[in-house]
Amino acid sequence: MFIAVYEFEIHAGTEARFREAWLEVTKSIYRYGGSLGSRLHRSDRPNIMVGYAQWPSREQWEKDQPTTDEGFENARASMRECLIKSTVIYQLEVSDDFLHSAVADER
């Protein structure tokens, strides 16, 4: 499994718009691009968001993902308008995995 970690620096006052656009872009990439989904996080730094995208492989992530989805193109344009800068800060191969989506039952 491959992980890409992104840092997004956005213009002040655009967080809600950025988050909405990011979600639509992410949904489209999941549906049509072969990703396993993504998470977006607020950081402790103003106007910095961090995205974590999961892929079956680095090859799938690197693969050109052409889309004719108008919703994707509109959301991507909206996302770009919010951005000051976007950077891939890590490209990671999973070595060990113990991530869960629920808290363990403490019985």
Protein backbone atom coordinates (compact mmCIF):
# COMPACT_ATOMS: atom_id res chain seq x y z
CA MET A 1 0.00 0.00 0.00
CA PHE A 2 1.22 3.49 -0.88
CA ILE A 3 0.52 6.76 0.96
CA ALA A 4 0.95 10.31 -0.33
CA VAL A 5 0.93 13.11 2.24
CA TYR A 6 0.15 16.60 0.96
CA GLU A 7 0.48 20.01 2.56
CA PHE A 8 -1.92 22.65 1.32
CA GLU A 9 -1.38 26.31 2.12
CA ILE A 10 -4.67 28.09 1.50
CA HIS A 11 -5.75 31.71 1.37
CA ALA A 12 -7.29 33.04 4.60
CA GLY A 13 -11.06 32.66 4.65
CA THR A 14 -11.19 29.83 2.08
CA GLU A 15 -11.17 26.77 4.36
CA ALA A 16 -14.84 25.82 3.89
CA ARG A 17 -14.62 26.22 0.11
CA PHE A 18 -11.33 24.31 -0.02
CA ARG A 19 -12.71 21.45 2.07
CA GLU A 20 -15.82 21.15 -0.10
CA ALA A 21 -13.76 21.14 -3.31
CA TRP A 22 -11.20 18.72 -1.82
CA LEU A 23 -14.00 16.27 -0.97
CA GLU A 24 -15.41 16.31 -4.51
CA VAL A 25 -11.95 15.86 -6.05
CA THR A 26 -11.21 13.01 -3.64
CA LYS A 27 -14.53 11.27 -4.36
CA SER A 28 -13.86 11.41 -8.09
CA ILE A 29 -10.31 10.07 -7.73
CA TYR A 30 -11.68 7.26 -5.56
CA ARG A 31 -14.43 6.43 -8.08
CA TYR A 32 -12.41 6.72 -11.28
CA GLY A 33 -8.72 6.83 -10.38
CA GLY A 34 -8.26 3.77 -8.25
CA SER A 35 -7.40 5.43 -4.94
CA LEU A 36 -8.43 4.00 -1.59
CA GLY A 37 -9.61 7.39 -0.36
CA SER A 38 -8.11 10.21 1.62
CA ARG A 39 -8.32 12.22 4.81
CA LEU A 40 -7.93 15.95 5.20
CA HIS A 41 -6.64 17.45 8.44
CA ARG A 42 -6.43 20.92 9.93
CA SER A 43 -2.95 21.61 11.21
CA ASP A 44 -1.90 23.72 14.17
CA ARG A 45 -0.60 26.31 11.68
CA PRO A 46 -3.06 28.88 10.29
CA ASN A 47 -4.24 28.20 6.74
CA ILE A 48 -2.35 24.91 6.48
CA MET A 49 -4.29 21.73 5.70
CA VAL A 50 -2.70 18.28 5.43
CA GLY A 51 -4.08 15.54 3.21
CA TYR A 52 -3.34 11.83 3.49
CA ALA A 53 -4.21 9.76 0.40
CA GLN A 54 -4.02 5.98 0.26
CA TRP A 55 -3.39 3.94 -2.89
CA PRO A 56 -3.03 0.23 -3.63
CA SER A 57 0.44 0.95 -5.07
CA ARG A 58 2.85 3.72 -6.05
CA GLU A 59 2.23 2.76 -9.69
CA GLN A 60 -1.51 3.45 -9.32
CA TRP A 61 -0.76 6.84 -7.72
CA GLU A 62 1.66 7.77 -10.53
CA LYS A 63 -0.70 6.60 -13.27
CA ASP A 64 -2.20 9.38 -15.38
CA GLN A 65 -5.85 9.62 -14.36
CA PRO A 66 -7.65 11.45 -17.17
CA THR A 67 -11.21 12.31 -16.31
CA THR A 68 -14.06 13.82 -18.23
CA ASP A 69 -16.09 14.31 -15.06
CA GLU A 70 -17.27 17.94 -15.11
CA GLY A 71 -17.82 17.93 -11.34
CA PHE A 72 -14.20 16.89 -10.82
CA GLU A 73 -12.88 19.62 -13.12
CA ASN A 74 -15.01 22.29 -11.43
CA ALA A 75 -14.01 21.15 -7.94
CA ARG A 76 -10.34 20.99 -8.90
CA ALA A 77 -10.50 24.54 -10.28
CA SER A 78 -12.19 25.72 -7.07
CA MET A 79 -9.58 23.96 -4.96
CA ARG A 80 -6.77 25.59 -6.95
CA GLU A 81 -8.31 29.04 -6.45
CA CYS A 82 -8.05 28.52 -2.68
CA LEU A 83 -4.41 27.43 -2.83
CA ILE A 84 -1.31 29.45 -2.25
CA LYS A 85 0.83 26.31 -2.50
CA SER A 86 0.41 22.55 -2.64
CA THR A 87 3.30 20.20 -1.85
CA VAL A 88 3.71 16.43 -1.63
CA ILE A 89 5.60 16.25 1.65
CA TYR A 90 5.92 12.45 1.91
CA GLN A 91 5.65 9.45 -0.38
CA LEU A 92 5.37 6.41 1.87
CA GLU A 93 5.22 2.65 1.51
CA VAL A 94 3.33 0.99 4.38
CA SER A 95 5.66 -1.29 6.32
CA ASP A 96 3.39 -2.19 9.24
CA ASP A 97 -0.32 -1.51 9.69
CA PHE A 98 -2.37 -1.45 12.88
CA LEU A 99 -4.75 1.41 12.03
CA HIS A 100 -8.40 0.91 13.01
CA SER A 101 -11.53 2.97 12.53
CA ALA A 102 -13.08 2.10 15.89
CA VAL A 103 -11.87 2.12 19.50
CA ALA A 104 -11.09 -1.31 20.94
CA ASP A 105 -13.65 -2.84 23.25
CA GLU A 106 -12.02 -2.75 26.70
CA ARG A 107 -13.51 -5.93 28.12
